[in-house]
Amino acid sequence: MHLAPHSARRRLGAALENLSVTFRGMTAHPDEANCACHWGSPEELSLLKTPDVELEPDLLRRTWQAIDWTDHAAVLRRILPQFATVLVAGRAEPLFGLEEAGYSFARGCWQQWPDEQAESVREFLHAWWVQSLTDPNAVVPAHQVFVACAEASGTLGPWLADWEEQTEHLSDRRLIEAAAEWECELLRDALPWSVGWYEHDEEELRAELVAWLLGHAATRLREAGAPADLQHRIRLLGLTGEDRWTDPHWPGYR
């Protein structure tokens, strides 16, 4: 399937608008509290209990990054329309990687929310991901969006399926870029990002990503004209132990 950039942008815009409608009027729990020394002031906390008031950027960042809310789901619903807009604009400012934003979604257990709310979140994540693959003006690199979506959902399947559907040149380029970003850690038998939610199985995610790279992605990388060295490093993921290290194309990573 070939999705035109303007179609992807329209879909993402509609998804953001739907978040605003779905979560309008949401607030943190009335009894929610947090440490004034480490999170913020009572006045800032009161803003989370006030609906539809935009938070200044640093307060928004502290809010989605905090791991110690009593009711993280309610806090996430309160900030979600603004948070999603900031993510798309590349202004989330995680400390390490965009997987941290995914952790915030995962802590909110959004898949267990009422159907309308869960579907609104799901459509936003898919729309953002597809836009990152198909829109040359996408702000956030596709491999970072992929990681955020993977951590938000605890699975790779839906996002890999989207990638398989997007077969145009730009999506192929995004695949080459992602493979180049990931191969070093994968050759160490490690996932290329940190898993931050205890319910997510890091080894299962790594195995699924490797299997996809060795299958669908390997053929696509070859057809897209990916550098030969990169294709060999992906091939090496199918080898183990000494077979990998003694291969003439082993890059010497340890």
C-alpha atoms as a PDB file:
ATOM      1  CA  MET A   1       0.000   0.000   0.000  1.00  0.00           C
ATOM      2  CA  HIS A   2       1.255   3.473  -0.851  1.00  0.00           C
ATOM      3  CA  LEU A   3       0.004   6.171   1.480  1.00  0.00           C
ATOM      4  CA  ALA A   4       0.622   9.709   0.241  1.00  0.00           C
ATOM      5  CA  PRO A   5       2.309  12.044   2.726  1.00  0.00           C
ATOM      6  CA  HIS A   6      -0.680  14.380   2.827  1.00  0.00           C
ATOM      7  CA  SER A   7      -2.978  11.425   3.589  1.00  0.00           C
ATOM      8  CA  ALA A   8      -0.753  10.378   6.485  1.00  0.00           C
ATOM      9  CA  ARG A   9      -0.693  13.952   7.786  1.00  0.00           C
ATOM     10  CA  ARG A  10      -4.478  14.172   7.592  1.00  0.00           C
ATOM     11  CA  ARG A  11      -4.859  10.881   9.428  1.00  0.00           C
ATOM     12  CA  LEU A  12      -2.496  12.046  12.166  1.00  0.00           C
ATOM     13  CA  GLY A  13      -4.268  15.396  12.456  1.00  0.00           C
ATOM     14  CA  ALA A  14      -7.599  13.617  12.821  1.00  0.00           C
ATOM     15  CA  ALA A  15      -6.142  11.305  15.461  1.00  0.00           C
ATOM     16  CA  LEU A  16      -4.831  14.241  17.485  1.00  0.00           C
ATOM     17  CA  GLU A  17      -8.184  15.988  17.245  1.00  0.00           C
ATOM     18  CA  ASN A  18      -9.924  12.807  18.376  1.00  0.00           C
ATOM     19  CA  LEU A  19      -7.665  12.640  21.433  1.00  0.00           C
ATOM     20  CA  SER A  20      -8.672  16.197  22.306  1.00  0.00           C
ATOM     21  CA  VAL A  21     -12.360  15.334  22.027  1.00  0.00           C
ATOM     22  CA  THR A  22     -12.119  11.985  23.801  1.00  0.00           C
ATOM     23  CA  PHE A  23     -10.122  13.234  26.775  1.00  0.00           C
ATOM     24  CA  ARG A  24     -11.671  16.676  27.123  1.00  0.00           C
ATOM     25  CA  GLY A  25     -12.514  17.445  30.729  1.00  0.00           C
ATOM     26  CA  MET A  26     -10.256  14.755  32.191  1.00  0.00           C
ATOM     27  CA  THR A  27      -8.395  15.403  35.446  1.00  0.00           C
ATOM     28  CA  ALA A  28      -6.037  13.626  37.790  1.00  0.00           C
ATOM     29  CA  HIS A  29      -7.669  11.947  40.785  1.00  0.00           C
ATOM     30  CA  PRO A  30      -8.746  14.538  43.391  1.00  0.00           C
ATOM     31  CA  ASP A  31      -6.516  12.868  46.000  1.00  0.00           C
ATOM     32  CA  GLU A  32      -3.473  12.553  43.726  1.00  0.00           C
ATOM     33  CA  ALA A  33      -0.238  13.745  45.316  1.00  0.00           C
ATOM     34  CA  ASN A  34       3.450  13.869  44.551  1.00  0.00           C
ATOM     35  CA  CYS A  35       6.662  14.998  46.212  1.00  0.00           C
ATOM     36  CA  ALA A  36       7.014  18.760  46.176  1.00  0.00           C
ATOM     37  CA  CYS A  37      10.811  18.413  46.366  1.00  0.00           C
ATOM     38  CA  HIS A  38      11.173  16.093  43.388  1.00  0.00           C
ATOM     39  CA  TRP A  39       8.133  16.619  41.195  1.00  0.00           C
ATOM     40  CA  GLY A  40       6.648  20.077  41.676  1.00  0.00           C
ATOM     41  CA  SER A  41       4.656  22.516  43.770  1.00  0.00           C
ATOM     42  CA  PRO A  42       1.120  22.180  45.137  1.00  0.00           C
ATOM     43  CA  GLU A  43       0.086  24.870  42.660  1.00  0.00           C
ATOM     44  CA  GLU A  44       1.380  22.758  39.782  1.00  0.00           C
ATOM     45  CA  LEU A  45      -0.360  19.685  41.156  1.00  0.00           C
ATOM     46  CA  SER A  46      -3.624  21.588  41.265  1.00  0.00           C
ATOM     47  CA  LEU A  47      -3.322  22.182  37.504  1.00  0.00           C
ATOM     48  CA  LEU A  48      -3.533  18.435  36.926  1.00  0.00           C
ATOM     49  CA  LYS A  49      -6.838  18.459  38.780  1.00  0.00           C
ATOM     50  CA  THR A  50      -8.108  21.286  36.582  1.00  0.00           C
ATOM     51  CA  PRO A  51      -9.390  20.167  33.179  1.00  0.00           C
ATOM     52  CA  ASP A  52      -8.225  21.445  29.814  1.00  0.00           C
ATOM     53  CA  VAL A  53      -5.589  23.890  31.058  1.00  0.00           C
ATOM     54  CA  GLU A  54      -2.414  23.697  28.993  1.00  0.00           C
ATOM     55  CA  LEU A  55       0.690  22.897  31.035  1.00  0.00           C
ATOM     56  CA  GLU A  56       3.951  24.691  30.487  1.00  0.00           C
ATOM     57  CA  PRO A  57       6.541  22.404  28.804  1.00  0.00           C
ATOM     58  CA  ASP A  58       8.681  21.582  31.835  1.00  0.00           C
ATOM     59  CA  LEU A  59       5.648  20.712  33.962  1.00  0.00           C
ATOM     60  CA  LEU A  60       4.293  18.489  31.193  1.00  0.00           C
ATOM     61  CA  ARG A  61       7.638  16.710  30.930  1.00  0.00           C
ATOM     62  CA  ARG A  62       7.878  16.143  34.690  1.00  0.00           C
ATOM     63  CA  THR A  63       4.321  14.839  34.702  1.00  0.00           C
ATOM     64  CA  TRP A  64       4.653  12.197  32.000  1.00  0.00           C
ATOM     65  CA  GLN A  65       8.080  11.100  33.225  1.00  0.00           C
ATOM     66  CA  ALA A  66       7.029  10.640  36.874  1.00  0.00           C
ATOM     67  CA  ILE A  67       6.702   6.980  37.826  1.00  0.00           C
ATOM     68  CA  ASP A  68       5.084   7.365  41.239  1.00  0.00           C
ATOM     69  CA  TRP A  69       1.551   8.602  40.587  1.00  0.00           C
ATOM     70  CA  THR A  70      -1.091   6.791  42.599  1.00  0.00           C
ATOM     71  CA  ASP A  71      -3.380   6.766  39.559  1.00  0.00           C
ATOM     72  CA  HIS A  72      -1.086   7.104  36.562  1.00  0.00           C
ATOM     73  CA  ALA A  73      -3.936   6.327  34.154  1.00  0.00           C
ATOM     74  CA  ALA A  74      -5.925   9.349  35.305  1.00  0.00           C
ATOM     75  CA  VAL A  75      -2.861  11.598  35.054  1.00  0.00           C
ATOM     76  CA  LEU A  76      -2.102  10.298  31.560  1.00  0.00           C
ATOM     77  CA  ARG A  77      -5.674  10.893  30.402  1.00  0.00           C
ATOM     78  CA  ARG A  78      -5.439  14.446  31.760  1.00  0.00           C
ATOM     79  CA  ILE A  79      -2.313  15.308  29.767  1.00  0.00           C
ATOM     80  CA  LEU A  80      -2.749  13.043  26.741  1.00  0.00           C
ATOM     81  CA  PRO A  81      -3.941  15.552  24.088  1.00  0.00           C
ATOM     82  CA  GLN A  82      -1.095  17.946  24.866  1.00  0.00           C
ATOM     83  CA  PHE A  83       1.420  15.123  25.380  1.00  0.00           C
ATOM     84  CA  ALA A  84       0.614  13.583  21.990  1.00  0.00           C
ATOM     85  CA  THR A  85       1.010  16.927  20.239  1.00  0.00           C
ATOM     86  CA  VAL A  86       4.387  17.436  21.888  1.00  0.00           C
ATOM     87  CA  LEU A  87       5.507  13.948  20.860  1.00  0.00           C
ATOM     88  CA  VAL A  88       4.618  14.512  17.217  1.00  0.00           C
ATOM     89  CA  ALA A  89       6.432  17.851  17.246  1.00  0.00           C
ATOM     90  CA  GLY A  90       9.592  16.250  18.642  1.00  0.00           C
ATOM     91  CA  ARG A  91       9.499  18.338  21.815  1.00  0.00           C
ATOM     92  CA  ALA A  92       9.089  15.591  24.429  1.00  0.00           C
ATOM     93  CA  GLU A  93      12.728  15.843  25.632  1.00  0.00           C
ATOM     94  CA  PRO A  94      13.215  12.375  27.136  1.00  0.00           C
ATOM     95  CA  LEU A  95      16.353  11.875  29.192  1.00  0.00           C
ATOM     96  CA  PHE A  96      17.593   8.892  27.174  1.00  0.00           C
ATOM     97  CA  GLY A  97      15.275   7.808  24.362  1.00  0.00           C
ATOM     98  CA  LEU A  98      11.720   8.042  23.137  1.00  0.00           C
ATOM     99  CA  GLU A  99      10.985   4.649  24.658  1.00  0.00           C
ATOM    100  CA  GLU A 100      10.520   6.647  27.873  1.00  0.00           C
ATOM    101  CA  ALA A 101       7.366   8.149  26.399  1.00  0.00           C
ATOM    102  CA  GLY A 102       6.210   4.632  25.636  1.00  0.00           C
ATOM    103  CA  TYR A 103       6.769   3.698  29.288  1.00  0.00           C
ATOM    104  CA  SER A 104       4.359   6.438  30.312  1.00  0.00           C
ATOM    105  CA  PHE A 105       1.658   4.989  28.064  1.00  0.00           C
ATOM    106  CA  ALA A 106       2.355   1.496  29.358  1.00  0.00           C
ATOM    107  CA  ARG A 107       2.147   2.565  33.009  1.00  0.00           C
ATOM    108  CA  GLY A 108      -1.280   3.993  32.243  1.00  0.00           C
ATOM    109  CA  CYS A 109      -2.457   0.562  31.008  1.00  0.00           C
ATOM    110  CA  TRP A 110      -4.365   2.363  28.247  1.00  0.00           C
ATOM    111  CA  GLN A 111      -5.394  -0.887  26.540  1.00  0.00           C
ATOM    112  CA  GLN A 112      -7.631  -1.570  29.547  1.00  0.00           C
ATOM    113  CA  TRP A 113      -9.459   1.762  29.299  1.00  0.00           C
ATOM    114  CA  PRO A 114     -13.014   1.997  27.981  1.00  0.00           C
ATOM    115  CA  ASP A 115     -13.194   1.059  24.299  1.00  0.00           C
ATOM    116  CA  GLU A 116     -13.575   4.597  22.948  1.00  0.00           C
ATOM    117  CA  GLN A 117     -10.571   5.825  24.919  1.00  0.00           C
ATOM    118  CA  ALA A 118      -8.373   2.837  24.100  1.00  0.00           C
ATOM    119  CA  GLU A 119      -9.235   3.050  20.412  1.00  0.00           C
ATOM    120  CA  SER A 120      -8.424   6.758  20.383  1.00  0.00           C
ATOM    121  CA  VAL A 121      -4.943   6.042  21.777  1.00  0.00           C
ATOM    122  CA  ARG A 122      -4.412   3.098  19.430  1.00  0.00           C
ATOM    123  CA  GLU A 123      -5.333   5.155  16.370  1.00  0.00           C
ATOM    124  CA  PHE A 124      -3.019   7.970  17.432  1.00  0.00           C
ATOM    125  CA  LEU A 125      -0.066   5.596  17.796  1.00  0.00           C
ATOM    126  CA  HIS A 126      -0.719   3.974  14.422  1.00  0.00           C
ATOM    127  CA  ALA A 127      -1.265   7.315  12.694  1.00  0.00           C
ATOM    128  CA  TRP A 128       1.949   8.745  14.156  1.00  0.00           C
ATOM    129  CA  TRP A 129       3.918   5.635  13.202  1.00  0.00           C
ATOM    130  CA  VAL A 130       2.661   5.529   9.606  1.00  0.00           C
ATOM    131  CA  GLN A 131       3.259   9.265   9.216  1.00  0.00           C
ATOM    132  CA  SER A 132       6.873   8.785  10.345  1.00  0.00           C
ATOM    133  CA  LEU A 133       7.307   6.172   7.594  1.00  0.00           C
ATOM    134  CA  THR A 134       5.648   8.032   4.735  1.00  0.00           C
ATOM    135  CA  ASP A 135       5.977  11.768   5.309  1.00  0.00           C
ATOM    136  CA  PRO A 136       9.339  13.333   4.340  1.00  0.00           C
ATOM    137  CA  ASN A 137       8.530  16.195   6.705  1.00  0.00           C
ATOM    138  CA  ALA A 138       8.014  13.957   9.742  1.00  0.00           C
ATOM    139  CA  VAL A 139       9.881  15.513  12.659  1.00  0.00           C
ATOM    140  CA  VAL A 140      10.709  12.420  14.711  1.00  0.00           C
ATOM    141  CA  PRO A 141      12.852   9.664  13.121  1.00  0.00           C
ATOM    142  CA  ALA A 142      10.798   6.581  12.334  1.00  0.00           C
ATOM    143  CA  HIS A 143      12.958   4.211  14.370  1.00  0.00           C
ATOM    144  CA  GLN A 144      12.326   6.359  17.457  1.00  0.00           C
ATOM    145  CA  VAL A 145       8.572   6.386  16.848  1.00  0.00           C
ATOM    146  CA  PHE A 146       8.693   2.605  16.442  1.00  0.00           C
ATOM    147  CA  VAL A 147      10.383   2.216  19.817  1.00  0.00           C
ATOM    148  CA  ALA A 148       7.850   4.507  21.502  1.00  0.00           C
ATOM    149  CA  CYS A 149       4.949   2.532  20.014  1.00  0.00           C
ATOM    150  CA  ALA A 150       6.545  -0.787  20.933  1.00  0.00           C
ATOM    151  CA  GLU A 151       7.000   0.255  24.555  1.00  0.00           C
ATOM    152  CA  ALA A 152       3.546   1.827  24.703  1.00  0.00           C
ATOM    153  CA  SER A 153       1.931  -1.431  23.594  1.00  0.00           C
ATOM    154  CA  GLY A 154       4.365  -4.129  24.723  1.00  0.00           C
ATOM    155  CA  THR A 155       4.323  -5.713  21.264  1.00  0.00           C
ATOM    156  CA  LEU A 156       5.968  -5.338  17.872  1.00  0.00           C
ATOM    157  CA  GLY A 157       3.436  -7.122  15.677  1.00  0.00           C
ATOM    158  CA  PRO A 158       1.067  -4.240  14.802  1.00  0.00           C
ATOM    159  CA  TRP A 159       3.917  -1.853  14.030  1.00  0.00           C
ATOM    160  CA  LEU A 160       5.811  -4.370  11.899  1.00  0.00           C
ATOM    161  CA  ALA A 161       2.569  -5.107  10.037  1.00  0.00           C
ATOM    162  CA  ASP A 162       2.163  -1.390   9.289  1.00  0.00           C
ATOM    163  CA  TRP A 163       5.723  -1.294   7.990  1.00  0.00           C
ATOM    164  CA  GLU A 164       5.085  -4.235   5.678  1.00  0.00           C
ATOM    165  CA  GLU A 165       2.080  -2.408   4.215  1.00  0.00           C
ATOM    166  CA  GLN A 166       4.083   0.732   3.473  1.00  0.00           C
ATOM    167  CA  THR A 167       6.228  -0.263   0.515  1.00  0.00           C
ATOM    168  CA  GLU A 168       7.174   3.066  -1.020  1.00  0.00           C
ATOM    169  CA  HIS A 169      10.754   4.310  -1.334  1.00  0.00           C
ATOM    170  CA  LEU A 170      10.715   6.490   1.787  1.00  0.00           C
ATOM    171  CA  SER A 171       9.523   3.631   3.971  1.00  0.00           C
ATOM    172  CA  ASP A 172      12.377   1.523   2.568  1.00  0.00           C
ATOM    173  CA  ARG A 173      14.817   4.289   3.489  1.00  0.00           C
ATOM    174  CA  ARG A 174      13.390   4.331   6.993  1.00  0.00           C
ATOM    175  CA  LEU A 175      14.029   0.587   7.186  1.00  0.00           C
ATOM    176  CA  ILE A 176      17.648   1.031   6.155  1.00  0.00           C
ATOM    177  CA  GLU A 177      18.079   3.758   8.773  1.00  0.00           C
ATOM    178  CA  ALA A 178      16.482   1.636  11.491  1.00  0.00           C
ATOM    179  CA  ALA A 179      18.545  -1.452  10.650  1.00  0.00           C
ATOM    180  CA  ALA A 180      21.715   0.650  10.824  1.00  0.00           C
ATOM    181  CA  GLU A 181      20.641   1.996  14.222  1.00  0.00           C
ATOM    182  CA  TRP A 182      19.787  -1.430  15.638  1.00  0.00           C
ATOM    183  CA  GLU A 183      22.295  -3.904  14.256  1.00  0.00           C
ATOM    184  CA  CYS A 184      25.116  -3.217  16.720  1.00  0.00           C
ATOM    185  CA  GLU A 185      23.058  -3.993  19.837  1.00  0.00           C
ATOM    186  CA  LEU A 186      21.268  -6.894  18.151  1.00  0.00           C
ATOM    187  CA  LEU A 187      24.617  -8.477  17.280  1.00  0.00           C
ATOM    188  CA  ARG A 188      25.319  -8.367  21.016  1.00  0.00           C
ATOM    189  CA  ASP A 189      22.037 -10.261  21.460  1.00  0.00           C
ATOM    190  CA  ALA A 190      20.536  -7.230  23.161  1.00  0.00           C
ATOM    191  CA  LEU A 191      17.408  -5.249  22.351  1.00  0.00           C
ATOM    192  CA  PRO A 192      18.379  -1.839  20.900  1.00  0.00           C
ATOM    193  CA  TRP A 193      16.332   0.019  23.498  1.00  0.00           C
ATOM    194  CA  SER A 194      15.574  -0.328  27.200  1.00  0.00           C
ATOM    195  CA  VAL A 195      12.380  -2.021  28.319  1.00  0.00           C
ATOM    196  CA  GLY A 196      10.933  -0.015  31.168  1.00  0.00           C
ATOM    197  CA  TRP A 197       7.639  -1.735  31.996  1.00  0.00           C
ATOM    198  CA  TYR A 198       7.806  -4.944  34.004  1.00  0.00           C
ATOM    199  CA  GLU A 199       5.062  -6.655  31.984  1.00  0.00           C
ATOM    200  CA  HIS A 200       7.050  -6.410  28.745  1.00  0.00           C
ATOM    201  CA  ASP A 201       9.304  -9.359  27.848  1.00  0.00           C
ATOM    202  CA  GLU A 202      12.601  -7.968  26.539  1.00  0.00           C
ATOM    203  CA  GLU A 203      13.848 -11.286  25.137  1.00  0.00           C
ATOM    204  CA  GLU A 204      10.558 -11.945  23.386  1.00  0.00           C
ATOM    205  CA  LEU A 205      10.669  -8.506  21.763  1.00  0.00           C
ATOM    206  CA  ARG A 206      14.277  -9.007  20.666  1.00  0.00           C
ATOM    207  CA  ALA A 207      13.544 -12.422  19.156  1.00  0.00           C
ATOM    208  CA  GLU A 208      10.538 -11.072  17.268  1.00  0.00           C
ATOM    209  CA  LEU A 209      12.521  -8.142  15.874  1.00  0.00           C
ATOM    210  CA  VAL A 210      15.397 -10.398  14.797  1.00  0.00           C
ATOM    211  CA  ALA A 211      13.028 -12.839  13.095  1.00  0.00           C
ATOM    212  CA  TRP A 212      11.401  -9.992  11.176  1.00  0.00           C
ATOM    213  CA  LEU A 213      14.733  -8.514  10.128  1.00  0.00           C
ATOM    214  CA  LEU A 214      15.948 -11.909   8.907  1.00  0.00           C
ATOM    215  CA  GLY A 215      12.708 -12.516   7.011  1.00  0.00           C
ATOM    216  CA  HIS A 216      10.720  -9.663   5.530  1.00  0.00           C
ATOM    217  CA  ALA A 217      13.304  -6.951   6.141  1.00  0.00           C
ATOM    218  CA  ALA A 218      16.298  -8.818   4.658  1.00  0.00           C
ATOM    219  CA  THR A 219      14.567  -9.176   1.299  1.00  0.00           C
ATOM    220  CA  ARG A 220      13.409  -5.589   1.383  1.00  0.00           C
ATOM    221  CA  LEU A 221      16.861  -4.259   2.315  1.00  0.00           C
ATOM    222  CA  ARG A 222      18.366  -6.087  -0.640  1.00  0.00           C
ATOM    223  CA  GLU A 223      15.724  -4.841  -3.069  1.00  0.00           C
ATOM    224  CA  ALA A 224      16.056  -1.286  -1.727  1.00  0.00           C
ATOM    225  CA  GLY A 225      19.807  -1.252  -2.354  1.00  0.00           C
ATOM    226  CA  ALA A 226      20.928  -1.143   1.283  1.00  0.00           C
ATOM    227  CA  PRO A 227      24.732  -1.105   1.758  1.00  0.00           C
ATOM    228  CA  ALA A 228      26.212  -4.584   1.413  1.00  0.00           C
ATOM    229  CA  ASP A 229      27.919  -4.372   4.818  1.00  0.00           C
ATOM    230  CA  LEU A 230      24.587  -3.632   6.477  1.00  0.00           C
ATOM    231  CA  GLN A 231      22.938  -6.549   4.712  1.00  0.00           C
ATOM    232  CA  HIS A 232      25.709  -8.845   5.945  1.00  0.00           C
ATOM    233  CA  ARG A 233      25.335  -7.602   9.528  1.00  0.00           C
ATOM    234  CA  ILE A 234      21.628  -8.359   9.403  1.00  0.00           C
ATOM    235  CA  ARG A 235      22.431 -11.807   7.983  1.00  0.00           C
ATOM    236  CA  LEU A 236      24.765 -12.424  10.924  1.00  0.00           C
ATOM    237  CA  LEU A 237      21.792 -12.172  13.278  1.00  0.00           C
ATOM    238  CA  GLY A 238      20.824 -15.624  12.033  1.00  0.00           C
ATOM    239  CA  LEU A 239      24.115 -17.087  13.271  1.00  0.00           C
ATOM    240  CA  THR A 240      25.127 -17.769  16.852  1.00  0.00           C
ATOM    241  CA  GLY A 241      28.310 -18.158  18.857  1.00  0.00           C
ATOM    242  CA  GLU A 242      31.508 -18.899  16.956  1.00  0.00           C
ATOM    243  CA  ASP A 243      29.687 -19.079  13.625  1.00  0.00           C
ATOM    244  CA  ARG A 244      28.856 -15.412  13.997  1.00  0.00           C
ATOM    245  CA  TRP A 245      32.207 -14.246  15.341  1.00  0.00           C
ATOM    246  CA  THR A 246      34.297 -16.093  12.749  1.00  0.00           C
ATOM    247  CA  ASP A 247      32.219 -15.031   9.775  1.00  0.00           C
ATOM    248  CA  PRO A 248      34.362 -12.916   7.428  1.00  0.00           C
ATOM    249  CA  HIS A 249      31.793 -10.122   7.688  1.00  0.00           C
ATOM    250  CA  TRP A 250      31.756 -10.029  11.510  1.00  0.00           C
ATOM    251  CA  PRO A 251      32.347  -6.353  12.376  1.00  0.00           C
ATOM    252  CA  GLY A 252      34.155  -7.043  15.646  1.00  0.00           C
ATOM    253  CA  TYR A 253      31.492  -5.677  17.979  1.00  0.00           C
ATOM    254  CA  ARG A 254      31.801  -6.898  21.564  1.00  0.00           C
END
